[in-house]
């Protein structure tokens, strides 16, 4: 039978640092922009957790990175198309 000793340090679970990232290169010509130009998007996350939770945490923060980058790419394309449409109206 284990009897806790008052003031004794309890064993802490092993901690690990999990780092995940996601990057995306957008060819602007494929999105209606100038040929031979690209835009780069990147997100990264870092988190400390118990070693037994590392795989689950890794997947979660990776999904956050992917969602952030995809959202930024979609917003960038929408802004590029908006600017292209407004400049076409000025010309036409």
C-alpha atoms as a PDB file:
ATOM      1  CA  UNK A   1       0.000   0.000   0.000  1.00  0.00           C
ATOM      2  CA  UNK A   2       1.449   3.363  -1.044  1.00  0.00           C
ATOM      3  CA  UNK A   3       1.004   6.087   1.499  1.00  0.00           C
ATOM      4  CA  UNK A   4       1.744   9.572   0.138  1.00  0.00           C
ATOM      5  CA  UNK A   5       4.323  11.477   2.106  1.00  0.00           C
ATOM      6  CA  UNK A   6       3.396  15.066   2.779  1.00  0.00           C
ATOM      7  CA  UNK A   7       5.740  17.390   0.930  1.00  0.00           C
ATOM      8  CA  UNK A   8       7.177  14.626  -1.274  1.00  0.00           C
ATOM      9  CA  UNK A   9       7.409  15.370  -4.987  1.00  0.00           C
ATOM     10  CA  UNK A  10       5.080  13.367  -7.151  1.00  0.00           C
ATOM     11  CA  UNK A  11       6.490  11.868 -10.325  1.00  0.00           C
ATOM     12  CA  UNK A  12       5.547  14.066 -13.272  1.00  0.00           C
ATOM     13  CA  UNK A  13       4.587  12.433 -16.560  1.00  0.00           C
ATOM     14  CA  UNK A  14       7.237  12.803 -19.262  1.00  0.00           C
ATOM     15  CA  UNK A  15       6.707  15.990 -21.256  1.00  0.00           C
ATOM     16  CA  UNK A  16       7.518  16.385 -24.925  1.00  0.00           C
ATOM     17  CA  UNK A  17       7.369  19.329 -27.288  1.00  0.00           C
ATOM     18  CA  UNK A  18       5.449  18.711 -30.501  1.00  0.00           C
ATOM     19  CA  UNK A  19       6.082  20.995 -33.495  1.00  0.00           C
ATOM     20  CA  UNK A  20       4.078  20.794 -36.721  1.00  0.00           C
ATOM     21  CA  UNK A  21       3.919  23.014 -39.757  1.00  0.00           C
ATOM     22  CA  UNK A  22       2.286  23.252 -43.171  1.00  0.00           C
ATOM     23  CA  UNK A  23       3.325  25.237 -46.219  1.00  0.00           C
ATOM     24  CA  UNK A  24       1.694  25.851 -49.582  1.00  0.00           C
ATOM     25  CA  UNK A  25       3.040  27.402 -52.770  1.00  0.00           C
ATOM     26  CA  UNK A  26       0.392  28.948 -55.016  1.00  0.00           C
ATOM     27  CA  UNK A  27       1.164  29.364 -58.711  1.00  0.00           C
ATOM     28  CA  UNK A  28      -0.553  32.700 -59.385  1.00  0.00           C
ATOM     29  CA  UNK A  29      -1.173  31.910 -63.060  1.00  0.00           C
ATOM     30  CA  UNK A  30      -3.384  28.982 -61.992  1.00  0.00           C
ATOM     31  CA  UNK A  31      -5.427  31.404 -59.885  1.00  0.00           C
ATOM     32  CA  UNK A  32      -5.855  34.036 -62.613  1.00  0.00           C
ATOM     33  CA  UNK A  33      -2.752  36.038 -61.719  1.00  0.00           C
ATOM     34  CA  UNK A  34       0.511  36.838 -63.455  1.00  0.00           C
ATOM     35  CA  UNK A  35       2.420  34.040 -65.120  1.00  0.00           C
ATOM     36  CA  UNK A  36       5.678  32.779 -63.527  1.00  0.00           C
ATOM     37  CA  UNK A  37       4.865  34.233 -60.110  1.00  0.00           C
ATOM     38  CA  UNK A  38       4.025  32.421 -56.913  1.00  0.00           C
ATOM     39  CA  UNK A  39       2.915  33.159 -53.370  1.00  0.00           C
ATOM     40  CA  UNK A  40       4.045  31.161 -50.340  1.00  0.00           C
ATOM     41  CA  UNK A  41       1.929  30.480 -47.259  1.00  0.00           C
ATOM     42  CA  UNK A  42       3.150  28.949 -44.010  1.00  0.00           C
ATOM     43  CA  UNK A  43       1.834  28.172 -40.527  1.00  0.00           C
ATOM     44  CA  UNK A  44       3.433  26.394 -37.590  1.00  0.00           C
ATOM     45  CA  UNK A  45       2.388  25.377 -34.103  1.00  0.00           C
ATOM     46  CA  UNK A  46       4.320  24.182 -31.084  1.00  0.00           C
ATOM     47  CA  UNK A  47       2.878  22.617 -27.941  1.00  0.00           C
ATOM     48  CA  UNK A  48       4.126  20.822 -24.854  1.00  0.00           C
ATOM     49  CA  UNK A  49       2.190  17.773 -23.722  1.00  0.00           C
ATOM     50  CA  UNK A  50       2.491  14.447 -21.964  1.00  0.00           C
ATOM     51  CA  UNK A  51       4.358  11.925 -24.105  1.00  0.00           C
ATOM     52  CA  UNK A  52       1.348   9.613 -24.290  1.00  0.00           C
ATOM     53  CA  UNK A  53      -0.732  12.438 -25.829  1.00  0.00           C
ATOM     54  CA  UNK A  54       1.900  13.432 -28.411  1.00  0.00           C
ATOM     55  CA  UNK A  55       0.417  11.591 -31.404  1.00  0.00           C
ATOM     56  CA  UNK A  56      -3.062  13.019 -30.849  1.00  0.00           C
ATOM     57  CA  UNK A  57      -1.745  16.548 -30.182  1.00  0.00           C
ATOM     58  CA  UNK A  58       0.473  16.318 -33.266  1.00  0.00           C
ATOM     59  CA  UNK A  59      -2.510  15.528 -35.480  1.00  0.00           C
ATOM     60  CA  UNK A  60      -4.612  18.300 -33.947  1.00  0.00           C
ATOM     61  CA  UNK A  61      -2.039  21.047 -34.355  1.00  0.00           C
ATOM     62  CA  UNK A  62      -1.239  19.863 -37.888  1.00  0.00           C
ATOM     63  CA  UNK A  63      -4.920  20.205 -38.802  1.00  0.00           C
ATOM     64  CA  UNK A  64      -4.894  23.737 -37.329  1.00  0.00           C
ATOM     65  CA  UNK A  65      -1.930  24.636 -39.533  1.00  0.00           C
ATOM     66  CA  UNK A  66      -3.594  23.221 -42.647  1.00  0.00           C
ATOM     67  CA  UNK A  67      -6.850  25.073 -41.926  1.00  0.00           C
ATOM     68  CA  UNK A  68      -5.027  28.368 -41.321  1.00  0.00           C
ATOM     69  CA  UNK A  69      -3.010  28.101 -44.542  1.00  0.00           C
ATOM     70  CA  UNK A  70      -5.992  27.054 -46.653  1.00  0.00           C
ATOM     71  CA  UNK A  71      -8.005  29.962 -45.262  1.00  0.00           C
ATOM     72  CA  UNK A  72      -5.179  32.383 -46.083  1.00  0.00           C
ATOM     73  CA  UNK A  73      -4.875  30.967 -49.613  1.00  0.00           C
ATOM     74  CA  UNK A  74      -8.623  31.306 -50.201  1.00  0.00           C
ATOM     75  CA  UNK A  75      -8.600  34.897 -48.915  1.00  0.00           C
ATOM     76  CA  UNK A  76      -5.560  35.722 -51.076  1.00  0.00           C
ATOM     77  CA  UNK A  77      -7.224  34.312 -54.227  1.00  0.00           C
ATOM     78  CA  UNK A  78     -10.474  36.163 -53.484  1.00  0.00           C
ATOM     79  CA  UNK A  79      -8.583  39.445 -53.026  1.00  0.00           C
ATOM     80  CA  UNK A  80      -6.566  38.847 -56.200  1.00  0.00           C
ATOM     81  CA  UNK A  81      -9.785  38.203 -58.181  1.00  0.00           C
ATOM     82  CA  UNK A  82     -11.447  41.269 -56.645  1.00  0.00           C
ATOM     83  CA  UNK A  83      -8.519  43.464 -57.675  1.00  0.00           C
ATOM     84  CA  UNK A  84      -8.485  41.921 -61.155  1.00  0.00           C
ATOM     85  CA  UNK A  85     -12.232  42.544 -61.584  1.00  0.00           C
ATOM     86  CA  UNK A  86     -11.968  46.142 -60.406  1.00  0.00           C
ATOM     87  CA  UNK A  87      -9.039  46.889 -62.752  1.00  0.00           C
ATOM     88  CA  UNK A  88     -10.950  45.270 -65.652  1.00  0.00           C
ATOM     89  CA  UNK A  89     -13.908  47.592 -64.977  1.00  0.00           C
ATOM     90  CA  UNK A  90     -11.597  50.619 -65.033  1.00  0.00           C
ATOM     91  CA  UNK A  91     -10.138  49.556 -68.402  1.00  0.00           C
ATOM     92  CA  UNK A  92     -13.440  48.542 -69.973  1.00  0.00           C
END
